[in-house]
């Protein structure tokens, strides 16, 4: 069981409701794949901003995807909600 103590900097992973709230109406198998990554809400928010093309292209180039965000990007970019989104 994960416990959070005062002063503990560990970020707990999100649940399925939080994932849906952050990424939108994606398929159930996409939600399952995301949950297996145990992302934080910040991981999801950064990923969604990249998928939506938010910010300048130069800004995104200066901050390449890595770690969980890259993993989440790969998962979400194959979902129908984002796969056909050209911008």
C-alpha atoms as a PDB file:
ATOM      1  CA  UNK A   1       0.000   0.000   0.000  1.00  0.00           C
ATOM      2  CA  UNK A   2       1.358   3.416  -0.939  1.00  0.00           C
ATOM      3  CA  UNK A   3       1.379   5.912   1.890  1.00  0.00           C
ATOM      4  CA  UNK A   4       2.114   9.566   1.728  1.00  0.00           C
ATOM      5  CA  UNK A   5       3.729  11.211   4.732  1.00  0.00           C
ATOM      6  CA  UNK A   6       4.136  14.882   5.375  1.00  0.00           C
ATOM      7  CA  UNK A   7       7.228  16.057   3.535  1.00  0.00           C
ATOM      8  CA  UNK A   8       7.214  13.006   1.255  1.00  0.00           C
ATOM      9  CA  UNK A   9       7.899  14.204  -2.290  1.00  0.00           C
ATOM     10  CA  UNK A  10       6.613  11.050  -3.991  1.00  0.00           C
ATOM     11  CA  UNK A  11       3.929  11.808  -6.582  1.00  0.00           C
ATOM     12  CA  UNK A  12       1.185   9.219  -6.679  1.00  0.00           C
ATOM     13  CA  UNK A  13      -0.015   7.935 -10.056  1.00  0.00           C
ATOM     14  CA  UNK A  14      -3.399   9.008 -11.360  1.00  0.00           C
ATOM     15  CA  UNK A  15      -6.525   6.862 -11.567  1.00  0.00           C
ATOM     16  CA  UNK A  16      -8.703   6.146 -14.620  1.00  0.00           C
ATOM     17  CA  UNK A  17     -11.105   9.034 -13.931  1.00  0.00           C
ATOM     18  CA  UNK A  18      -8.231  11.481 -13.733  1.00  0.00           C
ATOM     19  CA  UNK A  19      -6.757  10.100 -16.951  1.00  0.00           C
ATOM     20  CA  UNK A  20     -10.052  10.576 -18.794  1.00  0.00           C
ATOM     21  CA  UNK A  21     -10.362  14.091 -17.425  1.00  0.00           C
ATOM     22  CA  UNK A  22      -6.851  14.980 -18.618  1.00  0.00           C
ATOM     23  CA  UNK A  23      -6.774  13.287 -22.030  1.00  0.00           C
ATOM     24  CA  UNK A  24     -10.413  13.164 -23.108  1.00  0.00           C
ATOM     25  CA  UNK A  25     -12.649  10.370 -24.378  1.00  0.00           C
ATOM     26  CA  UNK A  26     -10.024   7.841 -25.435  1.00  0.00           C
ATOM     27  CA  UNK A  27     -10.573   4.087 -25.784  1.00  0.00           C
ATOM     28  CA  UNK A  28     -10.574   1.829 -22.735  1.00  0.00           C
ATOM     29  CA  UNK A  29      -7.455  -0.019 -23.923  1.00  0.00           C
ATOM     30  CA  UNK A  30      -5.669   3.357 -24.167  1.00  0.00           C
ATOM     31  CA  UNK A  31      -6.631   4.101 -20.561  1.00  0.00           C
ATOM     32  CA  UNK A  32      -5.296   0.700 -19.480  1.00  0.00           C
ATOM     33  CA  UNK A  33      -1.986   1.265 -21.273  1.00  0.00           C
ATOM     34  CA  UNK A  34      -1.644   4.699 -19.687  1.00  0.00           C
ATOM     35  CA  UNK A  35      -2.367   3.374 -16.192  1.00  0.00           C
ATOM     36  CA  UNK A  36       0.356   0.725 -16.607  1.00  0.00           C
ATOM     37  CA  UNK A  37       2.854   3.595 -16.981  1.00  0.00           C
ATOM     38  CA  UNK A  38       1.767   4.992 -13.575  1.00  0.00           C
ATOM     39  CA  UNK A  39       1.918   8.621 -14.758  1.00  0.00           C
ATOM     40  CA  UNK A  40       1.456  11.708 -12.645  1.00  0.00           C
ATOM     41  CA  UNK A  41      -1.070  14.372 -13.612  1.00  0.00           C
ATOM     42  CA  UNK A  42       1.860  16.540 -14.713  1.00  0.00           C
ATOM     43  CA  UNK A  43       3.072  13.777 -17.053  1.00  0.00           C
ATOM     44  CA  UNK A  44      -0.372  13.660 -18.661  1.00  0.00           C
ATOM     45  CA  UNK A  45      -0.691  17.438 -18.947  1.00  0.00           C
ATOM     46  CA  UNK A  46       2.691  17.759 -20.663  1.00  0.00           C
ATOM     47  CA  UNK A  47       1.876  14.906 -23.042  1.00  0.00           C
ATOM     48  CA  UNK A  48      -1.493  16.370 -24.009  1.00  0.00           C
ATOM     49  CA  UNK A  49       0.057  19.785 -24.625  1.00  0.00           C
ATOM     50  CA  UNK A  50       2.520  18.172 -27.055  1.00  0.00           C
ATOM     51  CA  UNK A  51      -0.273  16.244 -28.787  1.00  0.00           C
ATOM     52  CA  UNK A  52      -2.303  19.426 -29.202  1.00  0.00           C
ATOM     53  CA  UNK A  53       0.704  21.320 -30.522  1.00  0.00           C
ATOM     54  CA  UNK A  54       0.489  23.941 -27.804  1.00  0.00           C
ATOM     55  CA  UNK A  55       3.312  26.419 -27.535  1.00  0.00           C
ATOM     56  CA  UNK A  56       5.754  27.340 -30.242  1.00  0.00           C
ATOM     57  CA  UNK A  57       7.436  24.734 -32.411  1.00  0.00           C
ATOM     58  CA  UNK A  58      10.816  26.099 -31.368  1.00  0.00           C
ATOM     59  CA  UNK A  59       9.866  25.726 -27.712  1.00  0.00           C
ATOM     60  CA  UNK A  60       8.873  22.103 -28.258  1.00  0.00           C
ATOM     61  CA  UNK A  61      12.100  21.410 -30.150  1.00  0.00           C
ATOM     62  CA  UNK A  62      14.075  22.689 -27.177  1.00  0.00           C
ATOM     63  CA  UNK A  63      12.289  20.235 -24.902  1.00  0.00           C
ATOM     64  CA  UNK A  64      12.290  16.810 -26.553  1.00  0.00           C
ATOM     65  CA  UNK A  65      10.064  14.107 -25.155  1.00  0.00           C
ATOM     66  CA  UNK A  66      11.662  11.572 -22.866  1.00  0.00           C
ATOM     67  CA  UNK A  67      10.753   9.095 -20.152  1.00  0.00           C
ATOM     68  CA  UNK A  68       7.107   8.637 -19.242  1.00  0.00           C
ATOM     69  CA  UNK A  69       5.988  11.600 -21.329  1.00  0.00           C
ATOM     70  CA  UNK A  70       7.458  10.001 -24.464  1.00  0.00           C
ATOM     71  CA  UNK A  71       5.834   6.695 -23.528  1.00  0.00           C
ATOM     72  CA  UNK A  72       2.460   8.376 -22.986  1.00  0.00           C
ATOM     73  CA  UNK A  73       2.809  10.299 -26.244  1.00  0.00           C
ATOM     74  CA  UNK A  74       3.319   7.033 -28.132  1.00  0.00           C
ATOM     75  CA  UNK A  75       0.258   5.493 -26.487  1.00  0.00           C
ATOM     76  CA  UNK A  76      -2.026   8.472 -27.010  1.00  0.00           C
ATOM     77  CA  UNK A  77      -0.902   9.226 -30.549  1.00  0.00           C
ATOM     78  CA  UNK A  78      -2.239   5.826 -31.649  1.00  0.00           C
ATOM     79  CA  UNK A  79      -5.675   6.433 -30.114  1.00  0.00           C
ATOM     80  CA  UNK A  80      -8.365   7.515 -32.602  1.00  0.00           C
ATOM     81  CA  UNK A  81      -8.942  10.750 -30.676  1.00  0.00           C
ATOM     82  CA  UNK A  82      -5.398  11.979 -31.372  1.00  0.00           C
ATOM     83  CA  UNK A  83      -4.286   9.857 -34.351  1.00  0.00           C
ATOM     84  CA  UNK A  84      -6.387  11.825 -36.836  1.00  0.00           C
ATOM     85  CA  UNK A  85      -5.746  15.201 -35.207  1.00  0.00           C
ATOM     86  CA  UNK A  86      -3.517  17.163 -37.547  1.00  0.00           C
ATOM     87  CA  UNK A  87      -3.267  20.230 -35.395  1.00  0.00           C
END
